[in-house]
Amino acid sequence: MTRGVAVALVGWTALASGWFVLVYGGQVHGCLGPLSVTPEACRAALGLPPETDWERFLAGPGPLVVALVVGWVAIVSVARWRRRQRGGL
């Protein structure tokens, strides 16, 4: 791995992580109460349907993981393609 690829990987990780913290960080649930209140009980009290797997994925670190993996694969793929174009194997 060259220095440029390493810098690109670290830069992408910092950029994607920073974006995730700014967009998804500090979410406050709309239902406050005693410690025994669960997210399911809160959704039921608000009249919302149960949370789906897709909603759980989007609420957790799933988008960050997908963005990081796609970015890393793209960086490594472009680096290998450029090396082959210049004649290196």
PDB file of N, CA and C in Angstrom:
ATOM      1  N   MET A   1       0.855  -1.158   0.000  1.00  0.00           N
ATOM      2  CA  MET A   1       0.000   0.000   0.000  1.00  0.00           C
ATOM      3  C   MET A   1       0.911   1.235   0.000  1.00  0.00           C
ATOM      4  N   THR A   2       0.630   2.118  -0.916  1.00  0.00           N
ATOM      5  CA  THR A   2       1.441   3.323  -1.013  1.00  0.00           C
ATOM      6  C   THR A   2       0.976   4.365  -0.003  1.00  0.00           C
ATOM      7  N   ARG A   3       1.794   5.386   0.141  1.00  0.00           N
ATOM      8  CA  ARG A   3       1.462   6.445   1.090  1.00  0.00           C
ATOM      9  C   ARG A   3       0.196   7.183   0.671  1.00  0.00           C
ATOM     10  N   GLY A   4       0.028   7.394  -0.640  1.00  0.00           N
ATOM     11  CA  GLY A   4      -1.167   8.078  -1.133  1.00  0.00           C
ATOM     12  C   GLY A   4      -2.446   7.313  -0.826  1.00  0.00           C
ATOM     13  N   VAL A   5      -2.389   6.001  -0.989  1.00  0.00           N
ATOM     14  CA  VAL A   5      -3.564   5.169  -0.690  1.00  0.00           C
ATOM     15  C   VAL A   5      -3.863   5.210   0.805  1.00  0.00           C
ATOM     16  N   ALA A   6      -2.826   5.137   1.619  1.00  0.00           N
ATOM     17  CA  ALA A   6      -3.033   5.189   3.072  1.00  0.00           C
ATOM     18  C   ALA A   6      -3.644   6.529   3.482  1.00  0.00           C
ATOM     19  N   VAL A   7      -3.166   7.617   2.904  1.00  0.00           N
ATOM     20  CA  VAL A   7      -3.717   8.938   3.218  1.00  0.00           C
ATOM     21  C   VAL A   7      -5.173   9.018   2.767  1.00  0.00           C
ATOM     22  N   ALA A   8      -5.473   8.468   1.588  1.00  0.00           N
ATOM     23  CA  ALA A   8      -6.848   8.481   1.097  1.00  0.00           C
ATOM     24  C   ALA A   8      -7.767   7.664   2.005  1.00  0.00           C
ATOM     25  N   LEU A   9      -7.317   6.511   2.464  1.00  0.00           N
ATOM     26  CA  LEU A   9      -8.130   5.679   3.357  1.00  0.00           C
ATOM     27  C   LEU A   9      -8.392   6.383   4.690  1.00  0.00           C
ATOM     28  N   VAL A  10      -7.349   6.984   5.260  1.00  0.00           N
ATOM     29  CA  VAL A  10      -7.509   7.700   6.527  1.00  0.00           C
ATOM     30  C   VAL A  10      -8.411   8.919   6.333  1.00  0.00           C
ATOM     31  N   GLY A  11      -8.220   9.625   5.218  1.00  0.00           N
ATOM     32  CA  GLY A  11      -9.056  10.798   4.940  1.00  0.00           C
ATOM     33  C   GLY A  11     -10.513  10.429   4.772  1.00  0.00           C
ATOM     34  N   TRP A  12     -10.772   9.353   4.034  1.00  0.00           N
ATOM     35  CA  TRP A  12     -12.157   8.912   3.846  1.00  0.00           C
ATOM     36  C   TRP A  12     -12.778   8.491   5.176  1.00  0.00           C
ATOM     37  N   THR A  13     -12.009   7.792   6.006  1.00  0.00           N
ATOM     38  CA  THR A  13     -12.517   7.366   7.308  1.00  0.00           C
ATOM     39  C   THR A  13     -12.876   8.580   8.162  1.00  0.00           C
ATOM     40  N   ALA A  14     -12.000   9.580   8.171  1.00  0.00           N
ATOM     41  CA  ALA A  14     -12.271  10.786   8.968  1.00  0.00           C
ATOM     42  C   ALA A  14     -13.474  11.544   8.419  1.00  0.00           C
ATOM     43  N   LEU A  15     -13.571  11.664   7.103  1.00  0.00           N
ATOM     44  CA  LEU A  15     -14.676  12.396   6.488  1.00  0.00           C
ATOM     45  C   LEU A  15     -16.015  11.700   6.747  1.00  0.00           C
ATOM     46  N   ALA A  16     -16.053  10.395   6.522  1.00  0.00           N
ATOM     47  CA  ALA A  16     -17.297   9.649   6.718  1.00  0.00           C
ATOM     48  C   ALA A  16     -17.698   9.618   8.193  1.00  0.00           C
ATOM     49  N   SER A  17     -16.737   9.448   9.078  1.00  0.00           N
ATOM     50  CA  SER A  17     -17.048   9.425  10.512  1.00  0.00           C
ATOM     51  C   SER A  17     -17.529  10.790  10.989  1.00  0.00           C
ATOM     52  N   GLY A  18     -16.904  11.848  10.515  1.00  0.00           N
ATOM     53  CA  GLY A  18     -17.340  13.189  10.879  1.00  0.00           C
ATOM     54  C   GLY A  18     -18.740  13.484  10.392  1.00  0.00           C
ATOM     55  N   TRP A  19     -19.029  13.071   9.158  1.00  0.00           N
ATOM     56  CA  TRP A  19     -20.373  13.257   8.613  1.00  0.00           C
ATOM     57  C   TRP A  19     -21.387  12.496   9.462  1.00  0.00           C
ATOM     58  N   PHE A  20     -21.056  11.282   9.845  1.00  0.00           N
ATOM     59  CA  PHE A  20     -21.967  10.462  10.641  1.00  0.00           C
ATOM     60  C   PHE A  20     -22.246  11.121  11.991  1.00  0.00           C
ATOM     61  N   VAL A  21     -21.214  11.640  12.626  1.00  0.00           N
ATOM     62  CA  VAL A  21     -21.398  12.281  13.936  1.00  0.00           C
ATOM     63  C   VAL A  21     -22.263  13.536  13.798  1.00  0.00           C
ATOM     64  N   LEU A  22     -22.039  14.313  12.734  1.00  0.00           N
ATOM     65  CA  LEU A  22     -22.823  15.535  12.553  1.00  0.00           C
ATOM     66  C   LEU A  22     -24.281  15.248  12.203  1.00  0.00           C
ATOM     67  N   VAL A  23     -24.523  14.226  11.389  1.00  0.00           N
ATOM     68  CA  VAL A  23     -25.881  13.944  10.938  1.00  0.00           C
ATOM     69  C   VAL A  23     -26.651  13.110  11.951  1.00  0.00           C
ATOM     70  N   TYR A  24     -26.031  12.070  12.496  1.00  0.00           N
ATOM     71  CA  TYR A  24     -26.740  11.142  13.369  1.00  0.00           C
ATOM     72  C   TYR A  24     -26.451  11.346  14.852  1.00  0.00           C
ATOM     73  N   GLY A  25     -25.490  12.158  15.200  1.00  0.00           N
ATOM     74  CA  GLY A  25     -25.106  12.311  16.605  1.00  0.00           C
ATOM     75  C   GLY A  25     -26.128  13.116  17.404  1.00  0.00           C
ATOM     76  N   GLY A  26     -26.277  12.779  18.660  1.00  0.00           N
ATOM     77  CA  GLY A  26     -27.091  13.560  19.581  1.00  0.00           C
ATOM     78  C   GLY A  26     -28.583  13.457  19.370  1.00  0.00           C
ATOM     79  N   GLN A  27     -29.067  12.327  18.911  1.00  0.00           N
ATOM     80  CA  GLN A  27     -30.508  12.180  18.737  1.00  0.00           C
ATOM     81  C   GLN A  27     -31.175  11.994  20.096  1.00  0.00           C
ATOM     82  N   VAL A  28     -32.280  12.687  20.301  1.00  0.00           N
ATOM     83  CA  VAL A  28     -33.040  12.571  21.540  1.00  0.00           C
ATOM     84  C   VAL A  28     -34.370  11.920  21.201  1.00  0.00           C
ATOM     85  N   HIS A  29     -34.723  10.905  21.945  1.00  0.00           N
ATOM     86  CA  HIS A  29     -36.000  10.230  21.716  1.00  0.00           C
ATOM     87  C   HIS A  29     -37.143  11.141  22.119  1.00  0.00           C
ATOM     88  N   GLY A  30     -38.258  11.020  21.416  1.00  0.00           N
ATOM     89  CA  GLY A  30     -39.403  11.882  21.676  1.00  0.00           C
ATOM     90  C   GLY A  30     -40.243  11.458  22.856  1.00  0.00           C
ATOM     91  N   CYS A  31     -39.932  10.359  23.495  1.00  0.00           N
ATOM     92  CA  CYS A  31     -40.745   9.860  24.596  1.00  0.00           C
ATOM     93  C   CYS A  31     -39.862   9.768  25.839  1.00  0.00           C
ATOM     94  N   LEU A  32     -40.069  10.662  26.752  1.00  0.00           N
ATOM     95  CA  LEU A  32     -39.292  10.656  27.989  1.00  0.00           C
ATOM     96  C   LEU A  32     -40.153  10.117  29.116  1.00  0.00           C
ATOM     97  N   GLY A  33     -39.527   9.425  30.004  1.00  0.00           N
ATOM     98  CA  GLY A  33     -40.268   8.857  31.120  1.00  0.00           C
ATOM     99  C   GLY A  33     -39.323   8.131  32.052  1.00  0.00           C
ATOM    100  N   PRO A  34     -39.846   7.213  32.856  1.00  0.00           N
ATOM    101  CA  PRO A  34     -38.975   6.471  33.770  1.00  0.00           C
ATOM    102  C   PRO A  34     -38.012   5.584  32.987  1.00  0.00           C
ATOM    103  N   LEU A  35     -37.035   5.063  33.684  1.00  0.00           N
ATOM    104  CA  LEU A  35     -35.997   4.258  33.043  1.00  0.00           C
ATOM    105  C   LEU A  35     -36.532   2.988  32.403  1.00  0.00           C
ATOM    106  N   SER A  36     -37.699   2.527  32.829  1.00  0.00           N
ATOM    107  CA  SER A  36     -38.225   1.273  32.305  1.00  0.00           C
ATOM    108  C   SER A  36     -38.945   1.440  30.960  1.00  0.00           C
ATOM    109  N   VAL A  37     -39.029   2.654  30.423  1.00  0.00           N
ATOM    110  CA  VAL A  37     -39.706   2.879  29.147  1.00  0.00           C
ATOM    111  C   VAL A  37     -38.793   2.401  28.028  1.00  0.00           C
ATOM    112  N   THR A  38     -39.302   1.487  27.221  1.00  0.00           N
ATOM    113  CA  THR A  38     -38.539   0.960  26.097  1.00  0.00           C
ATOM    114  C   THR A  38     -38.930   1.701  24.820  1.00  0.00           C
ATOM    115  N   PRO A  39     -38.093   1.629  23.779  1.00  0.00           N
ATOM    116  CA  PRO A  39     -38.468   2.256  22.518  1.00  0.00           C
ATOM    117  C   PRO A  39     -39.776   1.696  21.946  1.00  0.00           C
ATOM    118  N   GLU A  40     -40.028   0.400  22.157  1.00  0.00           N
ATOM    119  CA  GLU A  40     -41.269  -0.198  21.673  1.00  0.00           C
ATOM    120  C   GLU A  40     -42.477   0.383  22.410  1.00  0.00           C
ATOM    121  N   ALA A  41     -42.362   0.545  23.732  1.00  0.00           N
ATOM    122  CA  ALA A  41     -43.451   1.125  24.512  1.00  0.00           C
ATOM    123  C   ALA A  41     -43.675   2.587  24.126  1.00  0.00           C
ATOM    124  N   CYS A  42     -42.609   3.287  23.842  1.00  0.00           N
ATOM    125  CA  CYS A  42     -42.717   4.686  23.437  1.00  0.00           C
ATOM    126  C   CYS A  42     -43.427   4.797  22.091  1.00  0.00           C
ATOM    127  N   ARG A  43     -43.059   3.951  21.127  1.00  0.00           N
ATOM    128  CA  ARG A  43     -43.716   3.979  19.822  1.00  0.00           C
ATOM    129  C   ARG A  43     -45.194   3.626  19.957  1.00  0.00           C
ATOM    130  N   ALA A  44     -45.508   2.666  20.818  1.00  0.00           N
ATOM    131  CA  ALA A  44     -46.912   2.300  21.027  1.00  0.00           C
ATOM    132  C   ALA A  44     -47.684   3.452  21.666  1.00  0.00           C
ATOM    133  N   ALA A  45     -47.064   4.159  22.612  1.00  0.00           N
ATOM    134  CA  ALA A  45     -47.736   5.278  23.267  1.00  0.00           C
ATOM    135  C   ALA A  45     -47.996   6.422  22.292  1.00  0.00           C
ATOM    136  N   LEU A  46     -47.113   6.581  21.323  1.00  0.00           N
ATOM    137  CA  LEU A  46     -47.275   7.637  20.324  1.00  0.00           C
ATOM    138  C   LEU A  46     -48.169   7.201  19.163  1.00  0.00           C
ATOM    139  N   GLY A  47     -48.593   5.941  19.159  1.00  0.00           N
ATOM    140  CA  GLY A  47     -49.459   5.439  18.104  1.00  0.00           C
ATOM    141  C   GLY A  47     -48.713   5.086  16.831  1.00  0.00           C
ATOM    142  N   LEU A  48     -47.417   4.820  16.944  1.00  0.00           N
ATOM    143  CA  LEU A  48     -46.607   4.470  15.775  1.00  0.00           C
ATOM    144  C   LEU A  48     -46.538   2.954  15.620  1.00  0.00           C
ATOM    145  N   PRO A  49     -46.378   2.466  14.405  1.00  0.00           N
ATOM    146  CA  PRO A  49     -46.225   1.020  14.224  1.00  0.00           C
ATOM    147  C   PRO A  49     -44.880   0.558  14.775  1.00  0.00           C
ATOM    148  N   PRO A  50     -44.737  -0.736  15.001  1.00  0.00           N
ATOM    149  CA  PRO A  50     -43.451  -1.250  15.508  1.00  0.00           C
ATOM    150  C   PRO A  50     -42.313  -0.920  14.543  1.00  0.00           C
ATOM    151  N   GLU A  51     -41.139  -0.794  15.103  1.00  0.00           N
ATOM    152  CA  GLU A  51     -39.959  -0.455  14.317  1.00  0.00           C
ATOM    153  C   GLU A  51     -39.549  -1.634  13.435  1.00  0.00           C
ATOM    154  N   THR A  52     -39.225  -1.347  12.176  1.00  0.00           N
ATOM    155  CA  THR A  52     -38.817  -2.402  11.248  1.00  0.00           C
ATOM    156  C   THR A  52     -37.304  -2.583  11.302  1.00  0.00           C
ATOM    157  N   ASP A  53     -36.844  -3.671  10.685  1.00  0.00           N
ATOM    158  CA  ASP A  53     -35.403  -3.912  10.621  1.00  0.00           C
ATOM    159  C   ASP A  53     -34.694  -2.784   9.871  1.00  0.00           C
ATOM    160  N   TRP A  54     -35.310  -2.276   8.805  1.00  0.00           N
ATOM    161  CA  TRP A  54     -34.714  -1.193   8.022  1.00  0.00           C
ATOM    162  C   TRP A  54     -34.560   0.063   8.882  1.00  0.00           C
ATOM    163  N   GLU A  55     -35.542   0.382   9.703  1.00  0.00           N
ATOM    164  CA  GLU A  55     -35.451   1.553  10.583  1.00  0.00           C
ATOM    165  C   GLU A  55     -34.357   1.367  11.635  1.00  0.00           C
ATOM    166  N   ARG A  56     -34.219   0.153  12.158  1.00  0.00           N
ATOM    167  CA  ARG A  56     -33.147  -0.119  13.114  1.00  0.00           C
ATOM    168  C   ARG A  56     -31.788   0.017  12.456  1.00  0.00           C
ATOM    169  N   PHE A  57     -31.671  -0.456  11.204  1.00  0.00           N
ATOM    170  CA  PHE A  57     -30.416  -0.345  10.463  1.00  0.00           C
ATOM    171  C   PHE A  57     -30.044   1.122  10.265  1.00  0.00           C
ATOM    172  N   LEU A  58     -31.011   1.939   9.855  1.00  0.00           N
ATOM    173  CA  LEU A  58     -30.743   3.353   9.610  1.00  0.00           C
ATOM    174  C   LEU A  58     -30.462   4.125  10.890  1.00  0.00           C
ATOM    175  N   ALA A  59     -31.030   3.703  12.008  1.00  0.00           N
ATOM    176  CA  ALA A  59     -30.827   4.402  13.277  1.00  0.00           C
ATOM    177  C   ALA A  59     -29.491   4.054  13.918  1.00  0.00           C
ATOM    178  N   GLY A  60     -28.913   2.924  13.559  1.00  0.00           N
ATOM    179  CA  GLY A  60     -27.643   2.500  14.142  1.00  0.00           C
ATOM    180  C   GLY A  60     -26.464   2.912  13.279  1.00  0.00           C
ATOM    181  N   PRO A  61     -25.343   2.242  13.459  1.00  0.00           N
ATOM    182  CA  PRO A  61     -24.148   2.593  12.694  1.00  0.00           C
ATOM    183  C   PRO A  61     -24.121   1.967  11.290  1.00  0.00           C
ATOM    184  N   GLY A  62     -25.223   1.395  10.839  1.00  0.00           N
ATOM    185  CA  GLY A  62     -25.257   0.744   9.529  1.00  0.00           C
ATOM    186  C   GLY A  62     -24.858   1.633   8.366  1.00  0.00           C
ATOM    187  N   PRO A  63     -25.417   2.848   8.243  1.00  0.00           N
ATOM    188  CA  PRO A  63     -25.019   3.711   7.123  1.00  0.00           C
ATOM    189  C   PRO A  63     -23.534   4.060   7.147  1.00  0.00           C
ATOM    190  N   LEU A  64     -22.966   4.253   8.339  1.00  0.00           N
ATOM    191  CA  LEU A  64     -21.540   4.552   8.429  1.00  0.00           C
ATOM    192  C   LEU A  64     -20.713   3.370   7.950  1.00  0.00           C
ATOM    193  N   VAL A  65     -21.059   2.176   8.366  1.00  0.00           N
ATOM    194  CA  VAL A  65     -20.316   0.987   7.963  1.00  0.00           C
ATOM    195  C   VAL A  65     -20.385   0.807   6.446  1.00  0.00           C
ATOM    196  N   VAL A  66     -21.562   0.970   5.873  1.00  0.00           N
ATOM    197  CA  VAL A  66     -21.711   0.827   4.421  1.00  0.00           C
ATOM    198  C   VAL A  66     -20.885   1.888   3.700  1.00  0.00           C
ATOM    199  N   ALA A  67     -20.949   3.137   4.144  1.00  0.00           N
ATOM    200  CA  ALA A  67     -20.192   4.208   3.504  1.00  0.00           C
ATOM    201  C   ALA A  67     -18.691   3.955   3.606  1.00  0.00           C
ATOM    202  N   LEU A  68     -18.219   3.513   4.763  1.00  0.00           N
ATOM    203  CA  LEU A  68     -16.797   3.241   4.920  1.00  0.00           C
ATOM    204  C   LEU A  68     -16.335   2.113   4.000  1.00  0.00           C
ATOM    205  N   VAL A  69     -17.068   1.020   3.982  1.00  0.00           N
ATOM    206  CA  VAL A  69     -16.663  -0.131   3.172  1.00  0.00           C
ATOM    207  C   VAL A  69     -16.688   0.223   1.688  1.00  0.00           C
ATOM    208  N   VAL A  70     -17.731   0.891   1.224  1.00  0.00           N
ATOM    209  CA  VAL A  70     -17.806   1.276  -0.193  1.00  0.00           C
ATOM    210  C   VAL A  70     -16.657   2.213  -0.552  1.00  0.00           C
ATOM    211  N   GLY A  71     -16.361   3.170   0.313  1.00  0.00           N
ATOM    212  CA  GLY A  71     -15.257   4.089   0.056  1.00  0.00           C
ATOM    213  C   GLY A  71     -13.916   3.398   0.033  1.00  0.00           C
ATOM    214  N   TRP A  72     -13.673   2.514   1.003  1.00  0.00           N
ATOM    215  CA  TRP A  72     -12.406   1.788   1.043  1.00  0.00           C
ATOM    216  C   TRP A  72     -12.219   0.919  -0.193  1.00  0.00           C
ATOM    217  N   VAL A  73     -13.264   0.211  -0.586  1.00  0.00           N
ATOM    218  CA  VAL A  73     -13.170  -0.645  -1.775  1.00  0.00           C
ATOM    219  C   VAL A  73     -12.916   0.205  -3.017  1.00  0.00           C
ATOM    220  N   ALA A  74     -13.575   1.353  -3.113  1.00  0.00           N
ATOM    221  CA  ALA A  74     -13.373   2.235  -4.265  1.00  0.00           C
ATOM    222  C   ALA A  74     -11.940   2.764  -4.299  1.00  0.00           C
ATOM    223  N   ILE A  75     -11.399   3.169  -3.169  1.00  0.00           N
ATOM    224  CA  ILE A  75     -10.031   3.697  -3.125  1.00  0.00           C
ATOM    225  C   ILE A  75      -9.028   2.630  -3.524  1.00  0.00           C
ATOM    226  N   VAL A  76      -9.161   1.439  -2.971  1.00  0.00           N
ATOM    227  CA  VAL A  76      -8.231   0.354  -3.299  1.00  0.00           C
ATOM    228  C   VAL A  76      -8.379  -0.055  -4.761  1.00  0.00           C
ATOM    229  N   SER A  77      -9.603  -0.096  -5.276  1.00  0.00           N
ATOM    230  CA  SER A  77      -9.821  -0.468  -6.675  1.00  0.00           C
ATOM    231  C   SER A  77      -9.199   0.545  -7.626  1.00  0.00           C
ATOM    232  N   VAL A  78      -9.385   1.816  -7.353  1.00  0.00           N
ATOM    233  CA  VAL A  78      -8.798   2.856  -8.209  1.00  0.00           C
ATOM    234  C   VAL A  78      -7.275   2.814  -8.136  1.00  0.00           C
ATOM    235  N   ALA A  79      -6.719   2.582  -6.947  1.00  0.00           N
ATOM    236  CA  ALA A  79      -5.266   2.508  -6.811  1.00  0.00           C
ATOM    237  C   ALA A  79      -4.700   1.336  -7.610  1.00  0.00           C
ATOM    238  N   ARG A  80      -5.362   0.194  -7.534  1.00  0.00           N
ATOM    239  CA  ARG A  80      -4.885  -0.963  -8.316  1.00  0.00           C
ATOM    240  C   ARG A  80      -5.033  -0.719  -9.811  1.00  0.00           C
ATOM    241  N   TRP A  81      -6.123  -0.101 -10.235  1.00  0.00           N
ATOM    242  CA  TRP A  81      -6.342   0.177 -11.646  1.00  0.00           C
ATOM    243  C   TRP A  81      -5.281   1.145 -12.167  1.00  0.00           C
ATOM    244  N   ARG A  82      -4.985   2.189 -11.391  1.00  0.00           N
ATOM    245  CA  ARG A  82      -3.964   3.150 -11.811  1.00  0.00           C
ATOM    246  C   ARG A  82      -2.597   2.501 -11.898  1.00  0.00           C
ATOM    247  N   ARG A  83      -2.276   1.605 -10.966  1.00  0.00           N
ATOM    248  CA  ARG A  83      -0.982   0.931 -10.997  1.00  0.00           C
ATOM    249  C   ARG A  83      -0.873   0.054 -12.238  1.00  0.00           C
ATOM    250  N   ARG A  84      -1.940  -0.637 -12.618  1.00  0.00           N
ATOM    251  CA  ARG A  84      -1.924  -1.475 -13.812  1.00  0.00           C
ATOM    252  C   ARG A  84      -1.813  -0.628 -15.082  1.00  0.00           C
ATOM    253  N   GLN A  85      -2.422   0.563 -15.075  1.00  0.00           N
ATOM    254  CA  GLN A  85      -2.356   1.441 -16.230  1.00  0.00           C
ATOM    255  C   GLN A  85      -0.933   1.966 -16.458  1.00  0.00           C
ATOM    256  N   ARG A  86      -0.193   2.093 -15.376  1.00  0.00           N
ATOM    257  CA  ARG A  86       1.197   2.577 -15.492  1.00  0.00           C
ATOM    258  C   ARG A  86       2.181   1.439 -15.760  1.00  0.00           C
ATOM    259  N   GLY A  87       1.697   0.220 -15.861  1.00  0.00           N
ATOM    260  CA  GLY A  87       2.561  -0.900 -16.223  1.00  0.00           C
ATOM    261  C   GLY A  87       3.006  -1.759 -15.064  1.00  0.00           C
ATOM    262  N   GLY A  88       2.649  -1.438 -13.850  1.00  0.00           N
ATOM    263  CA  GLY A  88       3.027  -2.253 -12.708  1.00  0.00           C
ATOM    264  C   GLY A  88       2.049  -3.403 -12.519  1.00  0.00           C
ATOM    265  N   LEU A  89       2.533  -4.507 -12.009  1.00  0.00           N
ATOM    266  CA  LEU A  89       1.641  -5.651 -11.747  1.00  0.00           C
ATOM    267  C   LEU A  89       1.542  -5.864 -10.301  1.00  0.00           C
TER     268      LEU A  89
END
